[in-house]
Amino acid sequence: MNKDTRLSDVLHVLLHMAEDERPLTSDVLAKSMRTNPAVFRRTMAGLRKAGYVRSGKGHGGGWQLTRPLKEITLLAVYEALDRPTLFAIGSRTDHPHCVIEKNVNAALSNTMAKAESLLIERFGQVTLDQLAPDQSDTPTQHCRADQ
């Protein structure tokens, strides 16, 4: 099963964008997400619409943050990405009249709803500045394509 890494990818890109005052091109940022520029732009569209980033075209254009990292939460990014699925656990529906299947599905559904609620609550408490490296941290490896 493939995992949806969009949230992790976008958080990574936003933190790199914060390290650089100049606009960064879709091509450069797409490489750091291991995708192509068109997919990158589609992925970032919700963040642009929500006002967390802007993009400019042409020479000297590119992507930039519009807010400080301390004003952007994990929840805000998650929501700007249209709330990707958090859990890949599904329920059986082969026998809708089976009491056991109903009980199992209810237990899974209730448990997953509670877990999602806790995760969403925590997402709202974490700002991107908390994820940024300290100035004293020495980068061990450059992971952006233009470095």
C-alpha atoms as a PDB file:
ATOM      1  CA  MET A   1       0.000   0.000   0.000  1.00  0.00           C
ATOM      2  CA  ASN A   2       1.350   3.428  -0.952  1.00  0.00           C
ATOM      3  CA  LYS A   3       1.532   6.049   1.768  1.00  0.00           C
ATOM      4  CA  ASP A   4       0.364   9.606   1.139  1.00  0.00           C
ATOM      5  CA  THR A   5       3.432  11.749   1.833  1.00  0.00           C
ATOM      6  CA  ARG A   6       1.977  15.085   0.705  1.00  0.00           C
ATOM      7  CA  LEU A   7       1.775  16.532   4.226  1.00  0.00           C
ATOM      8  CA  SER A   8       5.353  15.561   5.030  1.00  0.00           C
ATOM      9  CA  ASP A   9       6.558  16.739   1.612  1.00  0.00           C
ATOM     10  CA  VAL A  10       4.855  20.115   1.869  1.00  0.00           C
ATOM     11  CA  LEU A  11       6.061  20.698   5.432  1.00  0.00           C
ATOM     12  CA  HIS A  12       9.604  19.950   4.262  1.00  0.00           C
ATOM     13  CA  VAL A  13       9.284  22.401   1.368  1.00  0.00           C
ATOM     14  CA  LEU A  14       7.760  25.156   3.532  1.00  0.00           C
ATOM     15  CA  LEU A  15      10.599  24.901   6.021  1.00  0.00           C
ATOM     16  CA  HIS A  16      13.164  25.186   3.219  1.00  0.00           C
ATOM     17  CA  MET A  17      11.281  28.155   1.788  1.00  0.00           C
ATOM     18  CA  ALA A  18      11.592  29.870   5.174  1.00  0.00           C
ATOM     19  CA  GLU A  19      15.384  29.487   5.046  1.00  0.00           C
ATOM     20  CA  ASP A  20      15.614  31.428   1.785  1.00  0.00           C
ATOM     21  CA  GLU A  21      14.330  34.957   1.202  1.00  0.00           C
ATOM     22  CA  ARG A  22      14.479  34.675  -2.562  1.00  0.00           C
ATOM     23  CA  PRO A  23      11.637  33.074  -4.532  1.00  0.00           C
ATOM     24  CA  LEU A  24      12.246  29.396  -5.267  1.00  0.00           C
ATOM     25  CA  THR A  25      11.083  27.943  -8.558  1.00  0.00           C
ATOM     26  CA  SER A  26       8.600  25.112  -8.940  1.00  0.00           C
ATOM     27  CA  ASP A  27      11.352  23.105 -10.597  1.00  0.00           C
ATOM     28  CA  VAL A  28      13.712  23.412  -7.618  1.00  0.00           C
ATOM     29  CA  LEU A  29      11.015  22.733  -5.024  1.00  0.00           C
ATOM     30  CA  ALA A  30       9.499  19.868  -7.035  1.00  0.00           C
ATOM     31  CA  LYS A  31      12.870  18.123  -7.053  1.00  0.00           C
ATOM     32  CA  SER A  32      12.995  18.250  -3.261  1.00  0.00           C
ATOM     33  CA  MET A  33       9.563  16.580  -3.226  1.00  0.00           C
ATOM     34  CA  ARG A  34      10.738  14.053  -5.835  1.00  0.00           C
ATOM     35  CA  THR A  35       7.963  15.022  -8.220  1.00  0.00           C
ATOM     36  CA  ASN A  36       7.536  17.178 -11.304  1.00  0.00           C
ATOM     37  CA  PRO A  37       6.749  20.915 -11.301  1.00  0.00           C
ATOM     38  CA  ALA A  38       3.136  20.460 -12.456  1.00  0.00           C
ATOM     39  CA  VAL A  39       2.361  18.078  -9.568  1.00  0.00           C
ATOM     40  CA  PHE A  40       4.165  20.415  -7.180  1.00  0.00           C
ATOM     41  CA  ARG A  41       2.041  23.394  -8.315  1.00  0.00           C
ATOM     42  CA  ARG A  42      -1.165  21.358  -7.952  1.00  0.00           C
ATOM     43  CA  THR A  43      -0.113  20.257  -4.472  1.00  0.00           C
ATOM     44  CA  MET A  44       0.671  23.840  -3.432  1.00  0.00           C
ATOM     45  CA  ALA A  45      -2.533  25.333  -4.869  1.00  0.00           C
ATOM     46  CA  GLY A  46      -4.462  24.930  -1.608  1.00  0.00           C
ATOM     47  CA  LEU A  47      -1.688  26.620   0.364  1.00  0.00           C
ATOM     48  CA  ARG A  48      -1.691  29.525  -2.081  1.00  0.00           C
ATOM     49  CA  LYS A  49      -5.468  29.799  -1.883  1.00  0.00           C
ATOM     50  CA  ALA A  50      -5.282  29.782   1.937  1.00  0.00           C
ATOM     51  CA  GLY A  51      -2.715  32.588   1.812  1.00  0.00           C
ATOM     52  CA  TYR A  52       0.323  30.783   3.213  1.00  0.00           C
ATOM     53  CA  VAL A  53       2.396  31.028   0.026  1.00  0.00           C
ATOM     54  CA  ARG A  54       2.479  33.060  -3.149  1.00  0.00           C
ATOM     55  CA  SER A  55       3.980  32.343  -6.515  1.00  0.00           C
ATOM     56  CA  GLY A  56       5.281  34.614  -9.216  1.00  0.00           C
ATOM     57  CA  LYS A  57       5.836  33.866 -12.866  1.00  0.00           C
ATOM     58  CA  GLY A  58       8.719  34.719 -15.149  1.00  0.00           C
ATOM     59  CA  HIS A  59      12.303  35.713 -14.496  1.00  0.00           C
ATOM     60  CA  GLY A  60      12.839  36.164 -10.768  1.00  0.00           C
ATOM     61  CA  GLY A  61       9.529  34.470 -10.017  1.00  0.00           C
ATOM     62  CA  GLY A  62       8.927  31.513  -7.800  1.00  0.00           C
ATOM     63  CA  TRP A  63       7.357  30.486  -4.510  1.00  0.00           C
ATOM     64  CA  GLN A  64       7.605  32.360  -1.226  1.00  0.00           C
ATOM     65  CA  LEU A  65       5.989  32.166   2.185  1.00  0.00           C
ATOM     66  CA  THR A  66       3.529  34.948   2.965  1.00  0.00           C
ATOM     67  CA  ARG A  67       3.447  34.368   6.717  1.00  0.00           C
ATOM     68  CA  PRO A  68       6.030  33.601   9.370  1.00  0.00           C
ATOM     69  CA  LEU A  69       6.362  29.941  10.347  1.00  0.00           C
ATOM     70  CA  LYS A  70       5.018  30.709  13.830  1.00  0.00           C
ATOM     71  CA  GLU A  71       1.673  31.630  12.235  1.00  0.00           C
ATOM     72  CA  ILE A  72       1.266  28.359  10.325  1.00  0.00           C
ATOM     73  CA  THR A  73       0.146  25.194  12.119  1.00  0.00           C
ATOM     74  CA  LEU A  74       0.282  21.591  11.010  1.00  0.00           C
ATOM     75  CA  LEU A  75      -3.515  21.732  11.015  1.00  0.00           C
ATOM     76  CA  ALA A  76      -3.530  24.694   8.617  1.00  0.00           C
ATOM     77  CA  VAL A  77      -1.290  22.854   6.163  1.00  0.00           C
ATOM     78  CA  TYR A  78      -3.287  19.637   6.563  1.00  0.00           C
ATOM     79  CA  GLU A  79      -6.508  21.506   5.812  1.00  0.00           C
ATOM     80  CA  ALA A  80      -4.966  23.374   2.866  1.00  0.00           C
ATOM     81  CA  LEU A  81      -4.127  19.957   1.398  1.00  0.00           C
ATOM     82  CA  ASP A  82      -7.834  19.014   1.663  1.00  0.00           C
ATOM     83  CA  ARG A  83      -7.299  16.816   4.733  1.00  0.00           C
ATOM     84  CA  PRO A  84      -5.479  13.770   3.331  1.00  0.00           C
ATOM     85  CA  THR A  85      -6.584  10.438   4.776  1.00  0.00           C
ATOM     86  CA  LEU A  86      -4.866   9.881   8.101  1.00  0.00           C
ATOM     87  CA  PHE A  87      -5.494   6.167   8.493  1.00  0.00           C
ATOM     88  CA  ALA A  88      -5.629   3.381   5.948  1.00  0.00           C
ATOM     89  CA  ILE A  89      -7.766   1.017   8.026  1.00  0.00           C
ATOM     90  CA  GLY A  90     -11.059   0.111   6.416  1.00  0.00           C
ATOM     91  CA  SER A  91     -14.081  -1.929   7.403  1.00  0.00           C
ATOM     92  CA  ARG A  92     -15.576  -5.017   5.829  1.00  0.00           C
ATOM     93  CA  THR A  93     -18.958  -4.581   4.223  1.00  0.00           C
ATOM     94  CA  ASP A  94     -19.445  -8.032   2.705  1.00  0.00           C
ATOM     95  CA  HIS A  95     -22.208  -9.041   5.130  1.00  0.00           C
ATOM     96  CA  PRO A  96     -24.175  -5.963   6.226  1.00  0.00           C
ATOM     97  CA  HIS A  97     -26.603  -8.044   8.314  1.00  0.00           C
ATOM     98  CA  CYS A  98     -23.868  -9.849  10.260  1.00  0.00           C
ATOM     99  CA  VAL A  99     -23.899  -8.714  13.900  1.00  0.00           C
ATOM    100  CA  ILE A 100     -20.186  -9.438  14.305  1.00  0.00           C
ATOM    101  CA  GLU A 101     -19.321  -7.351  11.252  1.00  0.00           C
ATOM    102  CA  LYS A 102     -21.508  -4.507  12.578  1.00  0.00           C
ATOM    103  CA  ASN A 103     -19.831  -4.645  16.006  1.00  0.00           C
ATOM    104  CA  VAL A 104     -16.335  -4.757  14.541  1.00  0.00           C
ATOM    105  CA  ASN A 105     -17.090  -1.862  12.161  1.00  0.00           C
ATOM    106  CA  ALA A 106     -18.605   0.225  14.969  1.00  0.00           C
ATOM    107  CA  ALA A 107     -15.598  -0.357  17.224  1.00  0.00           C
ATOM    108  CA  LEU A 108     -13.143   0.490  14.456  1.00  0.00           C
ATOM    109  CA  SER A 109     -15.117   3.539  13.386  1.00  0.00           C
ATOM    110  CA  ASN A 110     -15.425   4.930  16.919  1.00  0.00           C
ATOM    111  CA  THR A 111     -11.784   4.282  17.742  1.00  0.00           C
ATOM    112  CA  MET A 112     -10.553   5.845  14.505  1.00  0.00           C
ATOM    113  CA  ALA A 113     -12.774   8.911  15.016  1.00  0.00           C
ATOM    114  CA  LYS A 114     -11.330   9.435  18.511  1.00  0.00           C
ATOM    115  CA  ALA A 115      -7.772   8.960  17.261  1.00  0.00           C
ATOM    116  CA  GLU A 116      -8.346  11.401  14.396  1.00  0.00           C
ATOM    117  CA  SER A 117      -9.814  13.954  16.789  1.00  0.00           C
ATOM    118  CA  LEU A 118      -6.746  13.750  19.035  1.00  0.00           C
ATOM    119  CA  LEU A 119      -4.408  14.015  16.062  1.00  0.00           C
ATOM    120  CA  ILE A 120      -6.246  17.035  14.644  1.00  0.00           C
ATOM    121  CA  GLU A 121      -6.155  18.694  18.074  1.00  0.00           C
ATOM    122  CA  ARG A 122      -2.392  18.155  18.270  1.00  0.00           C
ATOM    123  CA  PHE A 123      -1.898  19.397  14.682  1.00  0.00           C
ATOM    124  CA  GLY A 124      -3.475  22.684  15.801  1.00  0.00           C
ATOM    125  CA  GLN A 125      -0.929  23.034  18.611  1.00  0.00           C
ATOM    126  CA  VAL A 126       2.208  22.602  16.502  1.00  0.00           C
ATOM    127  CA  THR A 127       3.509  25.561  14.512  1.00  0.00           C
ATOM    128  CA  LEU A 128       6.059  25.230  11.751  1.00  0.00           C
ATOM    129  CA  ASP A 129       8.651  27.294  13.638  1.00  0.00           C
ATOM    130  CA  GLN A 130       8.750  24.407  16.140  1.00  0.00           C
ATOM    131  CA  LEU A 131       9.912  22.136  13.299  1.00  0.00           C
ATOM    132  CA  ALA A 132      12.608  24.440  11.965  1.00  0.00           C
ATOM    133  CA  PRO A 133      16.207  23.618  12.856  1.00  0.00           C
ATOM    134  CA  ASP A 134      17.846  25.728  15.533  1.00  0.00           C
ATOM    135  CA  GLN A 135      20.492  28.167  14.353  1.00  0.00           C
ATOM    136  CA  SER A 136      23.032  26.064  16.266  1.00  0.00           C
ATOM    137  CA  ASP A 137      22.144  22.941  14.275  1.00  0.00           C
ATOM    138  CA  THR A 138      24.700  22.064  11.635  1.00  0.00           C
ATOM    139  CA  PRO A 139      23.093  20.690   8.513  1.00  0.00           C
ATOM    140  CA  THR A 140      24.505  17.264   7.876  1.00  0.00           C
ATOM    141  CA  GLN A 141      23.105  17.029   4.397  1.00  0.00           C
ATOM    142  CA  HIS A 142      21.549  19.482   1.990  1.00  0.00           C
ATOM    143  CA  CYS A 143      18.282  18.077   0.789  1.00  0.00           C
ATOM    144  CA  ARG A 144      17.061  20.849  -1.473  1.00  0.00           C
ATOM    145  CA  ALA A 145      17.817  20.357  -5.134  1.00  0.00           C
ATOM    146  CA  ASP A 146      19.447  23.768  -5.643  1.00  0.00           C
ATOM    147  CA  GLN A 147      22.078  23.228  -2.929  1.00  0.00           C
END
